[in-house]
PDB file of N, CA and C in Angstrom:
ATOM      1  N   MET A   1      15.980   4.367  -7.866  1.00  0.00           N
ATOM      2  CA  MET A   1      14.677   3.878  -7.211  1.00  0.00           C
ATOM      3  C   MET A   1      13.994   4.852  -6.176  1.00  0.00           C
ATOM      4  N   ALA A   2      14.570   5.859  -5.922  1.00  0.00           N
ATOM      5  CA  ALA A   2      13.974   6.930  -4.927  1.00  0.00           C
ATOM      6  C   ALA A   2      12.583   7.430  -5.558  1.00  0.00           C
ATOM      7  N   ASP A   3      12.147   7.343  -6.629  1.00  0.00           N
ATOM      8  CA  ASP A   3      10.837   7.631  -7.260  1.00  0.00           C
ATOM      9  C   ASP A   3       9.628   6.611  -6.924  1.00  0.00           C
ATOM     10  N   ARG A   4      10.655   5.530  -6.438  1.00  0.00           N
ATOM     11  CA  ARG A   4      10.010   4.326  -6.117  1.00  0.00           C
ATOM     12  C   ARG A   4       9.390   4.377  -4.639  1.00  0.00           C
ATOM     13  N   ALA A   5       9.569   5.038  -3.995  1.00  0.00           N
ATOM     14  CA  ALA A   5       9.567   4.852  -2.283  1.00  0.00           C
ATOM     15  C   ALA A   5       9.341   6.275  -1.675  1.00  0.00           C
ATOM     16  N   ILE A   6       9.026   6.366  -0.756  1.00  0.00           N
ATOM     17  CA  ILE A   6       8.385   7.647   0.038  1.00  0.00           C
ATOM     18  C   ILE A   6       9.324   7.526   1.601  1.00  0.00           C
ATOM     19  N   PRO A   7      10.266   8.450   1.520  1.00  0.00           N
ATOM     20  CA  PRO A   7      11.038   7.997   3.135  1.00  0.00           C
ATOM     21  C   PRO A   7      10.295   8.378   4.073  1.00  0.00           C
ATOM     22  N   ASN A   8       9.425   9.374   4.363  1.00  0.00           N
ATOM     23  CA  ASN A   8       8.452   9.533   5.519  1.00  0.00           C
ATOM     24  C   ASN A   8       7.088   9.373   4.820  1.00  0.00           C
ATOM     25  N   ALA A   9       6.540   8.197   4.723  1.00  0.00           N
ATOM     26  CA  ALA A   9       5.223   8.145   4.650  1.00  0.00           C
ATOM     27  C   ALA A   9       4.375   8.766   5.580  1.00  0.00           C
ATOM     28  N   GLY A  10       4.515   9.494   6.927  1.00  0.00           N
ATOM     29  CA  GLY A  10       3.868  10.084   7.710  1.00  0.00           C
ATOM     30  C   GLY A  10       3.258  11.522   7.168  1.00  0.00           C
ATOM     31  N   ALA A  11       4.170  12.153   6.573  1.00  0.00           N
ATOM     32  CA  ALA A  11       4.334  13.339   5.710  1.00  0.00           C
ATOM     33  C   ALA A  11       2.816  13.206   4.934  1.00  0.00           C
ATOM     34  N   LEU A  12       2.553  12.361   4.439  1.00  0.00           N
ATOM     35  CA  LEU A  12       1.182  12.483   3.359  1.00  0.00           C
ATOM     36  C   LEU A  12      -0.330  12.167   4.501  1.00  0.00           C
ATOM     37  N   ARG A  13      -1.311  12.547   4.067  1.00  0.00           N
ATOM     38  CA  ARG A  13      -2.275  12.407   4.664  1.00  0.00           C
ATOM     39  C   ARG A  13      -3.345  11.680   3.986  1.00  0.00           C
ATOM     40  N   GLY A  14      -4.241  10.878   4.244  1.00  0.00           N
ATOM     41  CA  GLY A  14      -5.012  10.095   3.961  1.00  0.00           C
ATOM     42  C   GLY A  14      -4.987   8.717   3.563  1.00  0.00           C
ATOM     43  N   TRP A  15      -4.313   8.120   4.232  1.00  0.00           N
ATOM     44  CA  TRP A  15      -3.979   6.446   4.508  1.00  0.00           C
ATOM     45  C   TRP A  15      -5.211   5.695   4.799  1.00  0.00           C
ATOM     46  N   ARG A  16      -5.347   4.952   4.134  1.00  0.00           N
ATOM     47  CA  ARG A  16      -6.722   3.944   4.741  1.00  0.00           C
ATOM     48  C   ARG A  16      -5.918   2.583   4.698  1.00  0.00           C
ATOM     49  N   LYS A  17      -6.506   1.856   5.388  1.00  0.00           N
ATOM     50  CA  LYS A  17      -6.220   0.547   6.099  1.00  0.00           C
ATOM     51  C   LYS A  17      -6.778  -0.616   4.828  1.00  0.00           C
ATOM     52  N   SER A  18      -5.792  -1.263   4.392  1.00  0.00           N
ATOM     53  CA  SER A  18      -6.794  -2.307   3.509  1.00  0.00           C
ATOM     54  C   SER A  18      -7.970  -3.261   3.950  1.00  0.00           C
ATOM     55  N   SER A  19      -8.379  -3.537   2.931  1.00  0.00           N
ATOM     56  CA  SER A  19      -9.604  -4.061   3.331  1.00  0.00           C
ATOM     57  C   SER A  19      -9.253  -5.653   3.668  1.00  0.00           C
ATOM     58  N   TYR A  20      -8.123  -6.244   3.302  1.00  0.00           N
ATOM     59  CA  TYR A  20      -7.716  -7.570   3.885  1.00  0.00           C
ATOM     60  C   TYR A  20      -6.939  -7.508   5.226  1.00  0.00           C
ATOM     61  N   SER A  21      -6.883  -6.270   6.108  1.00  0.00           N
ATOM     62  CA  SER A  21      -6.365  -5.952   7.133  1.00  0.00           C
ATOM     63  C   SER A  21      -7.320  -6.373   8.185  1.00  0.00           C
ATOM     64  N   ASN A  22      -7.250  -6.777   9.471  1.00  0.00           N
ATOM     65  CA  ASN A  22      -7.946  -6.652  10.775  1.00  0.00           C
ATOM     66  C   ASN A  22      -7.325  -5.670  11.789  1.00  0.00           C
ATOM     67  N   ASP A  23      -8.007  -5.639  12.754  1.00  0.00           N
ATOM     68  CA  ASP A  23      -7.838  -4.580  13.713  1.00  0.00           C
ATOM     69  C   ASP A  23      -7.300  -5.845  14.966  1.00  0.00           C
ATOM     70  N   GLN A  24      -6.729  -6.631  14.803  1.00  0.00           N
ATOM     71  CA  GLN A  24      -6.096  -7.525  16.018  1.00  0.00           C
ATOM     72  C   GLN A  24      -4.590  -6.671  16.183  1.00  0.00           C
ATOM     73  N   GLY A  25      -4.067  -5.796  15.363  1.00  0.00           N
ATOM     74  CA  GLY A  25      -2.653  -5.396  15.466  1.00  0.00           C
ATOM     75  C   GLY A  25      -1.797  -6.305  14.545  1.00  0.00           C
ATOM     76  N   GLY A  26      -2.348  -7.182  13.727  1.00  0.00           N
ATOM     77  CA  GLY A  26      -1.287  -8.080  12.744  1.00  0.00           C
ATOM     78  C   GLY A  26      -0.831  -7.273  11.526  1.00  0.00           C
ATOM     79  N   SER A  27      -0.235  -8.045  10.721  1.00  0.00           N
ATOM     80  CA  SER A  27       0.364  -7.179   9.349  1.00  0.00           C
ATOM     81  C   SER A  27      -0.818  -6.633   9.063  1.00  0.00           C
ATOM     82  N   CYS A  28      -0.746  -5.332   8.798  1.00  0.00           N
ATOM     83  CA  CYS A  28      -1.907  -4.333   8.167  1.00  0.00           C
ATOM     84  C   CYS A  28      -0.687  -3.363   7.173  1.00  0.00           C
ATOM     85  N   LEU A  29      -1.733  -3.516   5.608  1.00  0.00           N
ATOM     86  CA  LEU A  29      -1.169  -2.520   4.986  1.00  0.00           C
ATOM     87  C   LEU A  29      -2.218  -1.331   4.964  1.00  0.00           C
ATOM     88  N   GLU A  30      -1.960  -0.141   4.433  1.00  0.00           N
ATOM     89  CA  GLU A  30      -2.329   1.182   4.494  1.00  0.00           C
ATOM     90  C   GLU A  30      -1.773   1.264   2.930  1.00  0.00           C
ATOM     91  N   VAL A  31      -3.005   1.830   2.312  1.00  0.00           N
ATOM     92  CA  VAL A  31      -3.106   2.279   0.837  1.00  0.00           C
ATOM     93  C   VAL A  31      -3.361   3.755   0.761  1.00  0.00           C
ATOM     94  N   LEU A  32      -2.281   4.853   0.106  1.00  0.00           N
ATOM     95  CA  LEU A  32      -2.730   6.289   0.014  1.00  0.00           C
ATOM     96  C   LEU A  32      -3.642   6.110  -1.778  1.00  0.00           C
ATOM     97  N   ASP A  33      -4.607   6.645  -1.670  1.00  0.00           N
ATOM     98  CA  ASP A  33      -5.567   7.092  -3.053  1.00  0.00           C
ATOM     99  C   ASP A  33      -5.078   8.382  -3.461  1.00  0.00           C
ATOM    100  N   ALA A  34      -5.158   8.579  -4.898  1.00  0.00           N
ATOM    101  CA  ALA A  34      -4.974   9.728  -5.598  1.00  0.00           C
ATOM    102  C   ALA A  34      -3.602  10.002  -5.331  1.00  0.00           C
ATOM    103  N   HIS A  35      -2.453   9.533  -5.093  1.00  0.00           N
ATOM    104  CA  HIS A  35      -1.087  10.059  -5.217  1.00  0.00           C
ATOM    105  C   HIS A  35      -0.741   9.918  -7.022  1.00  0.00           C
ATOM    106  N   PRO A  36      -0.495  11.398  -7.430  1.00  0.00           N
ATOM    107  CA  PRO A  36       0.357  11.546  -8.706  1.00  0.00           C
ATOM    108  C   PRO A  36       1.023  10.410  -9.182  1.00  0.00           C
ATOM    109  N   THR A  37       1.814   9.752  -8.731  1.00  0.00           N
ATOM    110  CA  THR A  37       3.203   8.817  -9.097  1.00  0.00           C
ATOM    111  C   THR A  37       2.407   7.476  -9.104  1.00  0.00           C
ATOM    112  N   GLY A  38       1.478   7.087  -8.415  1.00  0.00           N
ATOM    113  CA  GLY A  38       1.291   5.891  -8.584  1.00  0.00           C
ATOM    114  C   GLY A  38       0.778   5.257  -7.327  1.00  0.00           C
ATOM    115  N   VAL A  39       0.619   4.379  -6.952  1.00  0.00           N
ATOM    116  CA  VAL A  39      -0.188   3.838  -5.329  1.00  0.00           C
ATOM    117  C   VAL A  39       0.902   3.501  -3.957  1.00  0.00           C
ATOM    118  N   PRO A  40       1.072   4.562  -3.352  1.00  0.00           N
ATOM    119  CA  PRO A  40       2.066   4.659  -1.862  1.00  0.00           C
ATOM    120  C   PRO A  40       1.428   3.107  -1.079  1.00  0.00           C
ATOM    121  N   ILE A  41       1.947   1.993  -0.497  1.00  0.00           N
ATOM    122  CA  ILE A  41       1.447   1.295   0.059  1.00  0.00           C
ATOM    123  C   ILE A  41       2.911   1.041   1.552  1.00  0.00           C
ATOM    124  N   ARG A  42       2.181   1.247   2.790  1.00  0.00           N
ATOM    125  CA  ARG A  42       2.714   1.356   3.751  1.00  0.00           C
ATOM    126  C   ARG A  42       2.855   0.110   5.188  1.00  0.00           C
ATOM    127  N   ASP A  43       3.622  -0.212   6.021  1.00  0.00           N
ATOM    128  CA  ASP A  43       3.300  -0.631   6.581  1.00  0.00           C
ATOM    129  C   ASP A  43       2.585   0.279   8.159  1.00  0.00           C
ATOM    130  N   SER A  44       1.081  -0.577   8.179  1.00  0.00           N
ATOM    131  CA  SER A  44       0.511   0.291   9.241  1.00  0.00           C
ATOM    132  C   SER A  44       1.258   0.259  11.107  1.00  0.00           C
ATOM    133  N   LYS A  45       2.347  -0.447  11.322  1.00  0.00           N
ATOM    134  CA  LYS A  45       2.745  -0.422  12.336  1.00  0.00           C
ATOM    135  C   LYS A  45       4.289   0.277  12.370  1.00  0.00           C
ATOM    136  N   LEU A  46       4.322   0.847  11.338  1.00  0.00           N
ATOM    137  CA  LEU A  46       5.645   1.955  10.592  1.00  0.00           C
ATOM    138  C   LEU A  46       4.727   3.255  10.446  1.00  0.00           C
ATOM    139  N   PRO A  47       4.070   4.048  10.429  1.00  0.00           N
ATOM    140  CA  PRO A  47       3.534   5.185   9.576  1.00  0.00           C
ATOM    141  C   PRO A  47       4.234   6.177   9.134  1.00  0.00           C
ATOM    142  N   GLU A  48       5.583   6.286   9.927  1.00  0.00           N
ATOM    143  CA  GLU A  48       6.439   7.449   9.573  1.00  0.00           C
ATOM    144  C   GLU A  48       7.423   7.009   8.855  1.00  0.00           C
ATOM    145  N   GLY A  49       7.796   5.717   8.779  1.00  0.00           N
ATOM    146  CA  GLY A  49       8.480   4.738   7.901  1.00  0.00           C
ATOM    147  C   GLY A  49       8.265   5.033   6.217  1.00  0.00           C
ATOM    148  N   PRO A  50       9.123   4.394   5.463  1.00  0.00           N
ATOM    149  CA  PRO A  50       8.704   4.422   4.191  1.00  0.00           C
ATOM    150  C   PRO A  50       7.778   3.837   3.815  1.00  0.00           C
ATOM    151  N   ALA A  51       7.574   4.449   2.446  1.00  0.00           N
ATOM    152  CA  ALA A  51       6.001   3.717   1.619  1.00  0.00           C
ATOM    153  C   ALA A  51       6.867   3.337   0.190  1.00  0.00           C
ATOM    154  N   LEU A  52       6.472   2.429  -0.092  1.00  0.00           N
ATOM    155  CA  LEU A  52       6.602   1.962  -1.653  1.00  0.00           C
ATOM    156  C   LEU A  52       5.730   2.285  -2.541  1.00  0.00           C
ATOM    157  N   VAL A  53       6.176   2.595  -3.672  1.00  0.00           N
ATOM    158  CA  VAL A  53       5.042   3.157  -4.497  1.00  0.00           C
ATOM    159  C   VAL A  53       4.694   2.817  -5.841  1.00  0.00           C
ATOM    160  N   PHE A  54       3.791   1.867  -5.807  1.00  0.00           N
ATOM    161  CA  PHE A  54       3.966   0.821  -7.145  1.00  0.00           C
ATOM    162  C   PHE A  54       3.066   1.543  -8.364  1.00  0.00           C
ATOM    163  N   PRO A  55       3.407   1.408  -9.823  1.00  0.00           N
ATOM    164  CA  PRO A  55       2.392   2.218 -10.746  1.00  0.00           C
ATOM    165  C   PRO A  55       1.223   1.318 -10.388  1.00  0.00           C
ATOM    166  N   SER A  56       0.074   2.314 -10.702  1.00  0.00           N
ATOM    167  CA  SER A  56      -1.150   2.010 -10.598  1.00  0.00           C
ATOM    168  C   SER A  56      -1.744   0.797 -11.270  1.00  0.00           C
ATOM    169  N   ALA A  57      -1.140   0.620 -12.736  1.00  0.00           N
ATOM    170  CA  ALA A  57      -1.669  -0.730 -13.228  1.00  0.00           C
ATOM    171  C   ALA A  57      -1.411  -1.934 -12.787  1.00  0.00           C
ATOM    172  N   GLY A  58      -0.125  -1.580 -11.970  1.00  0.00           N
ATOM    173  CA  GLY A  58       0.557  -3.011 -11.592  1.00  0.00           C
ATOM    174  C   GLY A  58      -0.254  -3.365 -10.364  1.00  0.00           C
ATOM    175  N   TRP A  59      -0.522  -2.233  -9.483  1.00  0.00           N
ATOM    176  CA  TRP A  59      -1.034  -2.364  -8.421  1.00  0.00           C
ATOM    177  C   TRP A  59      -2.731  -2.982  -8.571  1.00  0.00           C
ATOM    178  N   THR A  60      -3.424  -2.289  -9.599  1.00  0.00           N
ATOM    179  CA  THR A  60      -4.387  -2.998  -9.713  1.00  0.00           C
ATOM    180  C   THR A  60      -4.702  -4.294 -10.576  1.00  0.00           C
ATOM    181  N   SER A  61      -3.832  -4.818 -10.896  1.00  0.00           N
ATOM    182  CA  SER A  61      -3.287  -6.267 -11.512  1.00  0.00           C
ATOM    183  C   SER A  61      -3.275  -7.322 -10.383  1.00  0.00           C
ATOM    184  N   PHE A  62      -2.345  -6.765  -9.210  1.00  0.00           N
ATOM    185  CA  PHE A  62      -1.968  -7.095  -8.261  1.00  0.00           C
ATOM    186  C   PHE A  62      -3.684  -7.522  -7.199  1.00  0.00           C
ATOM    187  N   VAL A  63      -4.202  -6.706  -7.042  1.00  0.00           N
ATOM    188  CA  VAL A  63      -5.427  -6.627  -6.063  1.00  0.00           C
ATOM    189  C   VAL A  63      -6.227  -7.419  -6.965  1.00  0.00           C
ATOM    190  N   THR A  64      -6.367  -7.404  -8.644  1.00  0.00           N
ATOM    191  CA  THR A  64      -7.331  -8.641  -9.052  1.00  0.00           C
ATOM    192  C   THR A  64      -6.713  -9.675  -8.764  1.00  0.00           C
ATOM    193  N   ALA A  65      -5.786  -9.997  -8.847  1.00  0.00           N
ATOM    194  CA  ALA A  65      -5.468 -11.497  -8.556  1.00  0.00           C
ATOM    195  C   ALA A  65      -5.443 -11.920  -7.378  1.00  0.00           C
ATOM    196  N   VAL A  66      -5.338 -10.960  -6.184  1.00  0.00           N
ATOM    197  CA  VAL A  66      -5.522 -11.242  -5.002  1.00  0.00           C
ATOM    198  C   VAL A  66      -6.868 -12.112  -4.710  1.00  0.00           C
ATOM    199  N   LYS A  67      -8.133 -10.871  -5.238  1.00  0.00           N
ATOM    200  CA  LYS A  67      -9.512 -11.346  -5.020  1.00  0.00           C
ATOM    201  C   LYS A  67      -9.702 -12.597  -5.909  1.00  0.00           C
ATOM    202  N   ASP A  68      -9.471 -12.781  -7.125  1.00  0.00           N
ATOM    203  CA  ASP A  68      -9.756 -13.950  -7.705  1.00  0.00           C
ATOM    204  C   ASP A  68      -9.147 -14.940  -7.529  1.00  0.00           C
ATOM    205  N   GLY A  69      -7.925 -14.909  -6.431  1.00  0.00           N
ATOM    206  CA  GLY A  69      -7.413 -16.248  -6.075  1.00  0.00           C
ATOM    207  C   GLY A  69      -6.344 -16.923  -6.740  1.00  0.00           C
ATOM    208  N   SER A  70      -5.759 -15.944  -8.241  1.00  0.00           N
ATOM    209  CA  SER A  70      -4.951 -16.221  -8.822  1.00  0.00           C
ATOM    210  C   SER A  70      -3.276 -16.389  -8.126  1.00  0.00           C
ATOM    211  N   LEU A  71      -3.528 -16.118  -6.815  1.00  0.00           N
ATOM    212  CA  LEU A  71      -2.143 -15.907  -6.298  1.00  0.00           C
ATOM    213  C   LEU A  71      -1.479 -17.356  -5.472  1.00  0.00           C
ATOM    214  N   SER A  72      -2.766 -17.763  -5.088  1.00  0.00           N
ATOM    215  CA  SER A  72      -2.506 -19.399  -4.505  1.00  0.00           C
ATOM    216  C   SER A  72      -1.444 -20.092  -4.835  1.00  0.00           C
ATOM    217  N   SER A  73      -0.997 -20.812  -3.620  1.00  0.00           N
ATOM    218  CA  SER A  73       0.181 -21.484  -4.229  1.00  0.00           C
ATOM    219  C   SER A  73      -0.087 -23.032  -4.247  1.00  0.00           C
TER     220      SER A  73
END
């Protein structure tokens, strides 16, 4: 699982806030583009904390499903 996590996500530069996040201080995801092993995702409230790294294809499928409403309950 070590290859799927970055223990200190604050060591990396270039994070951007998810377009689905708001500026109200709630639950926000940050994404790091152009990472060599996949798509790192972190909690914006814990920038020095860990990040999870998802395979690029899996992350793309997830974002597509969110956008088209496929994940609605």
